[in-house]
N, C-alpha and C. Protein backbone atom coordinates (compact mmCIF):
# COMPACT_ATOMS: atom_id res chain seq x y z
N MET A 1 31.57 85.63 227.58
CA MET A 1 32.50 86.39 226.77
C MET A 1 33.95 85.92 227.01
N LYS A 2 34.35 85.81 228.30
CA LYS A 2 35.71 85.38 228.60
C LYS A 2 35.95 83.97 228.08
N THR A 3 34.95 83.10 228.22
CA THR A 3 35.11 81.72 227.75
C THR A 3 35.34 81.69 226.26
N ASN A 4 34.62 82.50 225.49
CA ASN A 4 34.81 82.55 224.04
C ASN A 4 36.21 83.04 223.69
N LEU A 5 36.73 84.04 224.43
CA LEU A 5 38.08 84.53 224.18
C LEU A 5 39.11 83.46 224.48
N ILE A 6 38.93 82.73 225.55
CA ILE A 6 39.87 81.66 225.92
C ILE A 6 39.87 80.57 224.85
N ILE A 7 38.69 80.16 224.41
CA ILE A 7 38.59 79.11 223.38
C ILE A 7 39.25 79.59 222.09
N SER A 8 39.02 80.84 221.70
CA SER A 8 39.63 81.37 220.47
C SER A 8 41.16 81.39 220.59
N ALA A 9 41.66 81.79 221.73
CA ALA A 9 43.11 81.82 221.95
C ALA A 9 43.69 80.42 221.88
N LEU A 10 43.00 79.44 222.47
CA LEU A 10 43.47 78.05 222.42
C LEU A 10 43.53 77.53 220.99
N ILE A 11 42.54 77.86 220.18
CA ILE A 11 42.51 77.41 218.79
C ILE A 11 43.67 78.03 218.02
N LEU A 12 43.95 79.32 218.22
CA LEU A 12 45.08 79.96 217.54
C LEU A 12 46.41 79.35 217.95
N ILE A 13 46.59 79.12 219.25
CA ILE A 13 47.84 78.52 219.74
C ILE A 13 48.00 77.10 219.20
N ALA A 14 46.90 76.35 219.18
CA ALA A 14 46.96 74.98 218.68
C ALA A 14 47.34 74.96 217.20
N GLY A 15 46.83 75.88 216.42
CA GLY A 15 47.19 75.95 215.00
C GLY A 15 48.67 76.26 214.80
N ALA A 16 49.19 77.18 215.61
CA ALA A 16 50.62 77.50 215.53
C ALA A 16 51.48 76.31 215.93
N ALA A 17 51.04 75.59 216.97
CA ALA A 17 51.79 74.40 217.41
C ALA A 17 51.76 73.31 216.34
N ALA A 18 50.64 73.14 215.65
CA ALA A 18 50.56 72.14 214.59
C ALA A 18 51.50 72.48 213.44
N ALA A 19 51.59 73.76 213.08
CA ALA A 19 52.49 74.17 212.01
C ALA A 19 53.94 73.91 212.42
N GLN A 20 54.27 74.21 213.67
CA GLN A 20 55.63 73.96 214.15
C GLN A 20 55.92 72.46 214.18
N ALA A 21 54.95 71.66 214.52
CA ALA A 21 55.15 70.20 214.55
C ALA A 21 55.44 69.66 213.15
N GLN A 22 54.80 70.21 212.13
CA GLN A 22 55.09 69.80 210.77
C GLN A 22 56.52 70.13 210.38
N ASN A 23 57.01 71.30 210.83
CA ASN A 23 58.41 71.66 210.58
C ASN A 23 59.35 70.70 211.28
N MET A 24 59.02 70.32 212.52
CA MET A 24 59.86 69.37 213.26
C MET A 24 59.86 68.02 212.57
N SER A 25 58.70 67.60 212.06
CA SER A 25 58.60 66.33 211.35
C SER A 25 59.50 66.32 210.12
N ALA A 26 59.53 67.42 209.40
CA ALA A 26 60.40 67.51 208.24
C ALA A 26 61.86 67.42 208.65
N MET A 27 62.23 68.02 209.79
CA MET A 27 63.61 67.95 210.28
C MET A 27 63.95 66.49 210.65
N GLN A 28 63.02 65.78 211.26
CA GLN A 28 63.27 64.39 211.67
C GLN A 28 63.48 63.51 210.44
N ASN A 29 62.73 63.74 209.39
CA ASN A 29 62.84 62.93 208.19
C ASN A 29 64.17 63.11 207.49
N ASN A 30 64.88 64.21 207.75
CA ASN A 30 66.19 64.44 207.16
C ASN A 30 67.31 63.77 207.95
N ASN A 31 67.02 63.21 209.15
CA ASN A 31 68.03 62.52 209.94
C ASN A 31 68.19 61.10 209.46
N PRO A 32 69.41 60.56 209.46
CA PRO A 32 69.59 59.15 209.11
C PRO A 32 68.88 58.27 210.12
N ALA A 33 68.39 57.12 209.66
CA ALA A 33 67.67 56.19 210.54
C ALA A 33 68.56 55.79 211.70
N GLY A 34 68.02 55.81 212.88
CA GLY A 34 68.73 55.40 214.07
C GLY A 34 69.56 56.48 214.72
N SER A 35 69.69 57.67 214.09
CA SER A 35 70.48 58.71 214.74
C SER A 35 69.66 59.29 215.89
N SER A 36 70.35 59.81 216.87
CA SER A 36 69.67 60.30 218.07
C SER A 36 69.81 61.81 218.13
N THR A 37 68.70 62.52 218.11
CA THR A 37 68.68 63.95 218.33
C THR A 37 67.58 64.26 219.32
N TRP A 38 67.57 65.48 219.81
CA TRP A 38 66.56 65.88 220.79
C TRP A 38 65.16 65.76 220.21
N PHE A 39 64.99 65.95 218.89
CA PHE A 39 63.68 65.92 218.28
C PHE A 39 63.28 64.56 217.75
N ASN A 40 64.18 63.60 217.77
CA ASN A 40 63.85 62.27 217.26
C ASN A 40 62.84 61.59 218.17
N PRO A 41 61.83 60.92 217.64
CA PRO A 41 60.90 60.19 218.47
C PRO A 41 61.61 59.05 219.19
N ASP A 42 61.07 58.67 220.33
CA ASP A 42 61.67 57.54 221.04
C ASP A 42 61.43 56.26 220.24
N PRO A 43 62.36 55.30 220.34
CA PRO A 43 62.21 54.09 219.53
C PRO A 43 60.98 53.25 219.87
N ASN A 44 60.46 53.37 221.08
CA ASN A 44 59.29 52.60 221.49
C ASN A 44 57.98 53.26 221.04
N GLY A 45 58.03 54.48 220.55
CA GLY A 45 56.83 55.18 220.09
C GLY A 45 55.82 55.42 221.20
N LEU A 46 56.29 55.71 222.41
CA LEU A 46 55.37 55.91 223.55
C LEU A 46 54.52 57.15 223.39
N TYR A 47 55.07 58.21 222.81
CA TYR A 47 54.35 59.46 222.60
C TYR A 47 54.31 59.72 221.10
N ARG A 48 53.09 59.80 220.56
CA ARG A 48 52.90 59.95 219.12
C ARG A 48 51.96 61.09 218.79
N GLY A 49 51.99 61.50 217.56
CA GLY A 49 50.99 62.44 217.08
C GLY A 49 49.71 61.70 216.73
N ASN A 50 48.63 62.41 216.59
CA ASN A 50 47.31 61.84 216.28
C ASN A 50 46.91 60.76 217.29
N GLU A 51 47.15 61.03 218.57
CA GLU A 51 46.76 60.07 219.59
C GLU A 51 45.61 60.63 220.42
N PHE A 52 44.72 59.76 220.79
CA PHE A 52 43.55 60.08 221.58
C PHE A 52 43.69 59.37 222.92
N SER A 53 43.34 60.02 224.03
CA SER A 53 43.45 59.37 225.33
C SER A 53 42.26 59.71 226.22
N LEU A 54 42.04 58.85 227.18
CA LEU A 54 40.97 58.97 228.16
C LEU A 54 41.62 58.97 229.55
N ASP A 55 41.26 59.94 230.41
CA ASP A 55 41.86 60.09 231.73
C ASP A 55 40.84 59.87 232.83
N ALA A 56 41.32 59.35 233.95
CA ALA A 56 40.54 59.30 235.20
C ALA A 56 41.50 59.78 236.28
N PHE A 57 41.04 60.70 237.15
CA PHE A 57 41.97 61.26 238.13
C PHE A 57 41.28 61.61 239.44
N GLY A 58 42.09 61.63 240.48
CA GLY A 58 41.69 62.19 241.77
C GLY A 58 42.21 63.61 241.81
N ALA A 59 41.49 64.50 242.48
CA ALA A 59 41.88 65.91 242.51
C ALA A 59 41.70 66.48 243.92
N ALA A 60 42.49 67.46 244.23
CA ALA A 60 42.34 68.21 245.48
C ALA A 60 42.60 69.68 245.19
N THR A 61 41.78 70.54 245.75
CA THR A 61 41.99 71.99 245.63
C THR A 61 42.31 72.53 247.01
N PHE A 62 43.03 73.63 247.02
CA PHE A 62 43.39 74.22 248.31
C PHE A 62 43.50 75.73 248.17
N ASP A 63 43.19 76.39 249.26
CA ASP A 63 43.27 77.84 249.36
C ASP A 63 43.90 78.12 250.72
N SER A 64 44.96 78.89 250.75
CA SER A 64 45.63 79.13 252.03
C SER A 64 44.85 80.07 252.94
N ARG A 65 43.82 80.71 252.39
CA ARG A 65 43.00 81.62 253.21
C ARG A 65 41.57 81.09 253.28
N ARG A 66 40.89 81.43 254.36
CA ARG A 66 39.46 81.12 254.41
C ARG A 66 38.76 82.00 253.38
N HIS A 67 37.70 81.51 252.81
CA HIS A 67 37.01 82.31 251.81
C HIS A 67 35.51 82.26 252.01
N ASP A 68 34.87 83.34 251.59
CA ASP A 68 33.42 83.42 251.71
C ASP A 68 32.79 82.72 250.52
N ASP A 69 31.69 81.99 250.79
CA ASP A 69 30.96 81.47 249.65
C ASP A 69 29.92 82.51 249.25
N TYR A 70 29.05 82.19 248.35
CA TYR A 70 28.15 83.18 247.79
C TYR A 70 27.12 83.71 248.79
N TYR A 71 26.92 83.00 249.88
CA TYR A 71 25.94 83.46 250.86
C TYR A 71 26.60 84.05 252.09
N ARG A 72 27.88 84.48 251.96
CA ARG A 72 28.62 85.16 253.02
C ARG A 72 28.85 84.31 254.26
N ARG A 73 28.89 82.98 254.09
CA ARG A 73 29.26 82.11 255.18
C ARG A 73 30.70 81.67 254.97
N HIS A 74 31.39 81.32 256.04
CA HIS A 74 32.79 80.90 255.93
C HIS A 74 32.86 79.38 255.83
N ASP A 75 33.64 78.89 254.84
CA ASP A 75 33.97 77.48 254.81
C ASP A 75 34.97 77.21 255.93
N ARG A 76 34.76 76.14 256.67
CA ARG A 76 35.70 75.80 257.74
C ARG A 76 36.90 75.04 257.21
N ASP A 77 36.78 74.47 256.04
CA ASP A 77 37.83 73.66 255.45
C ASP A 77 38.36 74.36 254.21
N ASP A 78 39.67 74.54 254.13
CA ASP A 78 40.23 75.24 252.97
C ASP A 78 40.64 74.27 251.85
N SER A 79 40.28 73.01 251.97
CA SER A 79 40.60 72.05 250.91
C SER A 79 39.33 71.30 250.51
N HIS A 80 39.34 70.86 249.26
CA HIS A 80 38.25 70.06 248.70
C HIS A 80 38.90 68.87 247.99
N GLU A 81 38.32 67.71 248.12
CA GLU A 81 38.84 66.52 247.44
C GLU A 81 37.74 65.95 246.54
N GLY A 82 38.15 65.30 245.47
CA GLY A 82 37.20 64.70 244.54
C GLY A 82 37.91 64.05 243.39
N GLY A 83 37.31 64.14 242.22
CA GLY A 83 37.91 63.53 241.05
C GLY A 83 37.19 63.92 239.79
N GLY A 84 37.63 63.32 238.69
CA GLY A 84 37.02 63.64 237.42
C GLY A 84 37.60 62.81 236.30
N GLY A 85 37.34 63.28 235.09
CA GLY A 85 37.82 62.58 233.91
C GLY A 85 38.04 63.57 232.78
N GLY A 86 38.75 63.10 231.78
CA GLY A 86 39.04 63.97 230.66
C GLY A 86 39.32 63.21 229.38
N LEU A 87 39.26 63.93 228.28
CA LEU A 87 39.60 63.41 226.95
C LEU A 87 40.70 64.30 226.40
N GLU A 88 41.69 63.69 225.76
CA GLU A 88 42.77 64.45 225.14
C GLU A 88 42.97 64.00 223.71
N TYR A 89 43.40 64.94 222.89
CA TYR A 89 43.82 64.61 221.53
C TYR A 89 45.11 65.36 221.22
N PHE A 90 46.16 64.64 220.89
CA PHE A 90 47.43 65.23 220.51
C PHE A 90 47.55 65.14 218.99
N PHE A 91 47.51 66.30 218.33
CA PHE A 91 47.58 66.33 216.89
C PHE A 91 49.01 66.23 216.40
N CYS A 92 49.97 66.38 217.29
CA CYS A 92 51.39 66.09 217.00
C CYS A 92 51.99 65.58 218.29
N ARG A 93 53.24 65.18 218.25
CA ARG A 93 53.87 64.59 219.41
C ARG A 93 53.98 65.57 220.59
N TYR A 94 54.01 66.86 220.30
CA TYR A 94 54.33 67.86 221.32
C TYR A 94 53.16 68.71 221.76
N ALA A 95 52.04 68.73 221.07
CA ALA A 95 50.94 69.64 221.41
C ALA A 95 49.59 68.95 221.22
N GLY A 96 48.68 69.27 222.15
CA GLY A 96 47.34 68.71 222.09
C GLY A 96 46.35 69.55 222.87
N VAL A 97 45.12 69.11 222.85
CA VAL A 97 44.05 69.78 223.58
C VAL A 97 43.37 68.78 224.50
N GLU A 98 42.77 69.31 225.55
CA GLU A 98 42.13 68.48 226.57
C GLU A 98 40.77 69.08 226.92
N ALA A 99 39.80 68.21 227.13
CA ALA A 99 38.50 68.59 227.69
C ALA A 99 38.34 67.78 228.98
N GLU A 100 37.94 68.44 230.05
CA GLU A 100 37.86 67.76 231.33
C GLU A 100 36.65 68.21 232.13
N SER A 101 36.26 67.35 233.06
CA SER A 101 35.19 67.67 234.00
C SER A 101 35.57 67.09 235.34
N PHE A 102 35.35 67.85 236.40
CA PHE A 102 35.67 67.34 237.72
C PHE A 102 34.75 67.94 238.76
N ALA A 103 34.67 67.28 239.90
CA ALA A 103 33.90 67.76 241.04
C ALA A 103 34.73 67.52 242.29
N VAL A 104 34.79 68.51 243.16
CA VAL A 104 35.49 68.41 244.44
C VAL A 104 34.55 68.92 245.53
N ALA A 105 34.68 68.36 246.73
CA ALA A 105 33.76 68.74 247.80
C ALA A 105 34.46 68.73 249.15
N ASN A 106 33.93 69.54 250.06
CA ASN A 106 34.26 69.43 251.48
C ASN A 106 32.96 69.12 252.19
N ASP A 107 32.90 69.25 253.50
CA ASP A 107 31.68 68.88 254.22
C ASP A 107 30.55 69.89 254.06
N ARG A 108 30.79 71.04 253.37
CA ARG A 108 29.75 72.05 253.23
C ARG A 108 29.18 72.17 251.83
N ASN A 109 30.02 72.04 250.79
CA ASN A 109 29.51 72.24 249.43
C ASN A 109 30.35 71.46 248.42
N THR A 110 29.83 71.38 247.22
CA THR A 110 30.51 70.71 246.12
C THR A 110 30.74 71.72 245.01
N ASP A 111 31.96 71.74 244.47
CA ASP A 111 32.30 72.57 243.34
C ASP A 111 32.47 71.66 242.13
N SER A 112 31.84 72.03 241.03
CA SER A 112 31.95 71.26 239.78
C SER A 112 32.47 72.17 238.69
N ALA A 113 33.14 71.58 237.69
CA ALA A 113 33.67 72.39 236.61
C ALA A 113 33.78 71.58 235.34
N VAL A 114 33.68 72.27 234.22
CA VAL A 114 33.92 71.73 232.90
C VAL A 114 34.85 72.71 232.20
N GLY A 115 35.94 72.20 231.61
CA GLY A 115 36.89 73.10 231.00
C GLY A 115 37.72 72.46 229.92
N GLY A 116 38.62 73.23 229.39
CA GLY A 116 39.53 72.77 228.36
C GLY A 116 40.88 73.42 228.48
N ASN A 117 41.93 72.74 228.00
CA ASN A 117 43.29 73.25 228.09
C ASN A 117 44.06 72.93 226.82
N LEU A 118 45.03 73.77 226.53
CA LEU A 118 46.06 73.46 225.54
C LEU A 118 47.21 72.85 226.32
N ILE A 119 47.77 71.74 225.82
CA ILE A 119 48.86 71.05 226.50
C ILE A 119 50.07 71.01 225.57
N LEU A 120 51.21 71.44 226.09
CA LEU A 120 52.47 71.34 225.39
C LEU A 120 53.37 70.41 226.19
N ARG A 121 53.78 69.30 225.58
CA ARG A 121 54.58 68.31 226.31
C ARG A 121 55.93 68.12 225.62
N TRP A 122 56.88 67.63 226.37
CA TRP A 122 58.21 67.39 225.83
C TRP A 122 58.69 66.00 226.27
N PRO A 123 58.38 64.93 225.49
CA PRO A 123 58.85 63.59 225.83
C PRO A 123 60.38 63.54 225.90
N ILE A 124 60.91 62.84 226.89
CA ILE A 124 62.35 62.75 227.09
C ILE A 124 62.83 61.40 226.54
N GLY A 125 63.25 61.41 225.28
CA GLY A 125 63.81 60.22 224.64
C GLY A 125 62.95 58.97 224.84
N SER A 126 63.59 57.88 225.25
CA SER A 126 62.86 56.63 225.46
C SER A 126 62.66 56.33 226.95
N THR A 127 62.75 57.36 227.80
CA THR A 127 62.60 57.16 229.26
C THR A 127 61.17 56.87 229.66
N GLY A 128 60.18 57.29 228.87
CA GLY A 128 58.77 57.16 229.23
C GLY A 128 58.24 58.40 229.92
N PHE A 129 59.10 59.34 230.31
CA PHE A 129 58.67 60.56 230.99
C PHE A 129 58.44 61.68 229.98
N ALA A 130 57.40 62.50 230.25
CA ALA A 130 57.10 63.66 229.41
C ALA A 130 56.60 64.78 230.31
N PRO A 131 57.45 65.76 230.65
CA PRO A 131 56.95 66.93 231.35
C PRO A 131 56.05 67.75 230.43
N TYR A 132 55.11 68.48 230.99
CA TYR A 132 54.19 69.29 230.17
C TYR A 132 53.72 70.52 230.91
N VAL A 133 53.26 71.48 230.14
CA VAL A 133 52.59 72.67 230.68
C VAL A 133 51.20 72.70 230.06
N LEU A 134 50.29 73.32 230.78
CA LEU A 134 48.91 73.43 230.29
C LEU A 134 48.34 74.79 230.64
N GLY A 135 47.37 75.20 229.88
CA GLY A 135 46.68 76.46 230.14
C GLY A 135 45.35 76.47 229.42
N GLY A 136 44.37 77.11 230.02
CA GLY A 136 43.05 77.18 229.40
C GLY A 136 42.04 77.80 230.34
N GLY A 137 40.85 77.24 230.35
CA GLY A 137 39.78 77.77 231.18
C GLY A 137 38.50 76.97 231.01
N GLY A 138 37.46 77.48 231.62
CA GLY A 138 36.18 76.81 231.55
C GLY A 138 35.14 77.48 232.40
N GLU A 139 34.20 76.69 232.86
CA GLU A 139 33.07 77.18 233.67
C GLU A 139 32.95 76.31 234.92
N GLU A 140 32.83 76.95 236.09
CA GLU A 140 32.64 76.22 237.33
C GLU A 140 31.40 76.74 238.04
N TRP A 141 30.87 75.89 238.90
CA TRP A 141 29.68 76.31 239.62
C TRP A 141 29.60 75.61 240.98
N THR A 142 29.11 76.37 241.94
CA THR A 142 28.74 75.86 243.27
C THR A 142 27.31 76.26 243.49
N HIS A 143 27.10 77.56 243.78
CA HIS A 143 25.75 78.10 243.92
C HIS A 143 25.32 78.89 242.69
N ARG A 144 26.31 79.27 241.90
CA ARG A 144 26.07 79.97 240.64
C ARG A 144 27.24 79.67 239.71
N SER A 145 27.09 80.01 238.46
CA SER A 145 28.10 79.69 237.45
C SER A 145 29.06 80.87 237.28
N GLU A 146 30.35 80.57 237.06
CA GLU A 146 31.33 81.60 236.75
C GLU A 146 32.47 80.99 235.92
N GLY A 147 33.07 81.81 235.07
CA GLY A 147 34.18 81.37 234.27
C GLY A 147 35.47 81.35 235.05
N TYR A 148 36.46 80.64 234.56
CA TYR A 148 37.78 80.63 235.18
C TYR A 148 38.86 80.42 234.12
N GLY A 149 40.07 80.80 234.46
CA GLY A 149 41.25 80.52 233.66
C GLY A 149 42.20 79.73 234.53
N ASP A 150 43.05 78.91 233.92
CA ASP A 150 44.01 78.14 234.71
C ASP A 150 45.31 77.94 233.95
N GLY A 151 46.34 77.61 234.67
CA GLY A 151 47.64 77.34 234.08
C GLY A 151 48.48 76.55 235.06
N GLY A 152 49.33 75.66 234.53
CA GLY A 152 50.18 74.87 235.40
C GLY A 152 51.06 73.92 234.62
N GLY A 153 51.53 72.90 235.30
CA GLY A 153 52.41 71.92 234.68
C GLY A 153 52.41 70.61 235.41
N GLY A 154 53.01 69.60 234.79
CA GLY A 154 53.07 68.28 235.40
C GLY A 154 53.98 67.37 234.64
N VAL A 155 53.88 66.09 234.94
CA VAL A 155 54.69 65.07 234.30
C VAL A 155 53.85 63.81 234.09
N GLU A 156 54.07 63.16 232.96
CA GLU A 156 53.41 61.90 232.64
C GLU A 156 54.47 60.83 232.49
N TYR A 157 54.14 59.61 232.89
CA TYR A 157 55.02 58.48 232.69
C TYR A 157 54.25 57.35 232.02
N ARG A 158 54.79 56.83 230.92
CA ARG A 158 54.18 55.70 230.19
C ARG A 158 55.13 54.53 230.19
N TRP A 159 54.60 53.38 230.53
CA TRP A 159 55.40 52.15 230.45
C TRP A 159 55.02 51.32 229.23
N THR A 160 53.87 51.63 228.61
CA THR A 160 53.47 51.01 227.35
C THR A 160 52.89 52.11 226.46
N ARG A 161 52.59 51.75 225.21
CA ARG A 161 51.99 52.70 224.29
C ARG A 161 50.53 53.00 224.61
N CYS A 162 49.91 52.18 225.46
CA CYS A 162 48.47 52.35 225.69
C CYS A 162 48.11 52.70 227.14
N MET A 163 49.08 52.91 228.04
CA MET A 163 48.72 53.23 229.42
C MET A 163 49.83 54.02 230.10
N GLY A 164 49.43 54.97 230.94
CA GLY A 164 50.40 55.76 231.68
C GLY A 164 49.74 56.38 232.91
N ILE A 165 50.55 57.06 233.71
CA ILE A 165 50.08 57.79 234.89
C ILE A 165 50.56 59.22 234.77
N PHE A 166 49.89 60.14 235.46
CA PHE A 166 50.28 61.54 235.41
C PHE A 166 50.00 62.21 236.74
N ALA A 167 50.74 63.29 236.99
CA ALA A 167 50.54 64.14 238.15
C ALA A 167 50.78 65.57 237.71
N ASP A 168 49.89 66.48 238.10
CA ASP A 168 50.10 67.88 237.75
C ASP A 168 49.49 68.80 238.78
N GLY A 169 49.85 70.05 238.69
CA GLY A 169 49.33 71.11 239.54
C GLY A 169 49.01 72.32 238.70
N ARG A 170 48.06 73.09 239.15
CA ARG A 170 47.67 74.29 238.40
C ARG A 170 47.17 75.36 239.35
N PHE A 171 47.20 76.59 238.87
CA PHE A 171 46.66 77.74 239.57
C PHE A 171 45.40 78.14 238.85
N VAL A 172 44.29 78.27 239.56
CA VAL A 172 42.98 78.56 238.96
C VAL A 172 42.55 79.97 239.37
N VAL A 173 42.11 80.76 238.39
CA VAL A 173 41.68 82.14 238.62
C VAL A 173 40.23 82.29 238.21
N PRO A 174 39.26 82.13 239.16
CA PRO A 174 37.85 82.33 238.83
C PRO A 174 37.54 83.80 238.56
N ALA A 175 36.43 84.05 237.88
CA ALA A 175 36.05 85.42 237.51
C ALA A 175 35.73 86.28 238.71
N SER A 176 35.05 85.73 239.74
CA SER A 176 34.61 86.60 240.83
C SER A 176 34.94 86.08 242.24
N THR A 177 35.43 84.89 242.37
CA THR A 177 35.81 84.39 243.70
C THR A 177 37.32 84.29 243.80
N ARG A 178 37.83 83.90 244.95
CA ARG A 178 39.28 83.87 245.17
C ARG A 178 39.97 82.77 244.38
N ASN A 179 41.21 83.04 244.03
CA ASN A 179 42.04 82.08 243.30
C ASN A 179 42.35 80.88 244.20
N TYR A 180 42.67 79.75 243.58
CA TYR A 180 43.04 78.57 244.35
C TYR A 180 43.97 77.68 243.54
N GLY A 181 44.59 76.73 244.20
CA GLY A 181 45.45 75.76 243.54
C GLY A 181 44.74 74.42 243.44
N MET A 182 45.16 73.63 242.47
CA MET A 182 44.58 72.29 242.31
C MET A 182 45.68 71.32 241.90
N VAL A 183 45.66 70.13 242.48
CA VAL A 183 46.56 69.06 242.09
C VAL A 183 45.74 67.87 241.63
N ARG A 184 46.30 67.12 240.64
CA ARG A 184 45.64 65.93 240.12
C ARG A 184 46.63 64.79 240.07
N LEU A 185 46.14 63.59 240.28
CA LEU A 185 46.91 62.37 240.12
C LEU A 185 46.01 61.37 239.44
N GLY A 186 46.46 60.81 238.31
CA GLY A 186 45.55 59.96 237.57
C GLY A 186 46.19 58.96 236.65
N VAL A 187 45.34 58.24 235.96
CA VAL A 187 45.75 57.21 235.01
C VAL A 187 45.24 57.61 233.63
N ARG A 188 46.02 57.29 232.59
CA ARG A 188 45.67 57.68 231.22
C ARG A 188 45.68 56.43 230.34
N PHE A 189 44.59 56.26 229.56
CA PHE A 189 44.47 55.17 228.61
C PHE A 189 44.59 55.76 227.20
N ILE A 190 45.56 55.31 226.42
CA ILE A 190 45.87 55.90 225.12
C ILE A 190 45.37 54.98 224.01
N PHE A 191 44.72 55.60 223.00
CA PHE A 191 44.20 54.85 221.86
C PHE A 191 44.87 55.29 220.58
């Protein structure tokens, strides 16, 4: 039920962002060629609308408190390391959606998840940097399955139109277990 609500909310937000992007595009078309405004695309075209990308990343989760797993045993390690991958589609320069899957483990158990996020990014001129915020949710499992919601932010850097790196952090709120933080560092291939 929660997953369906999260997906519905993401679709509504994405539709509103697409409408706003069309308004921004109309504003850009009214600017003389070569003029510089906050909304003008960078001259190198590093961040574009209708772009598809593939991600590979390393991830680490952390919890400042010890937590019980489903069988009432204590994990001795409050961090998990691992990695994953994702697919993104930006329907305009500023907004897109992401589907991701990752697995992280310590010496006792492995946590896996599949989820999705809405991403709002703000490319900074022709610098190659684009800070972004993300929010969404999905399903995770260790010994049983449970839904989660997440939110956070990060920054991406592109040196070409087809490749970049990114780093982000997020706060994850599972349905029935304790909240935790997650950081990712990865590479992005843009098509």
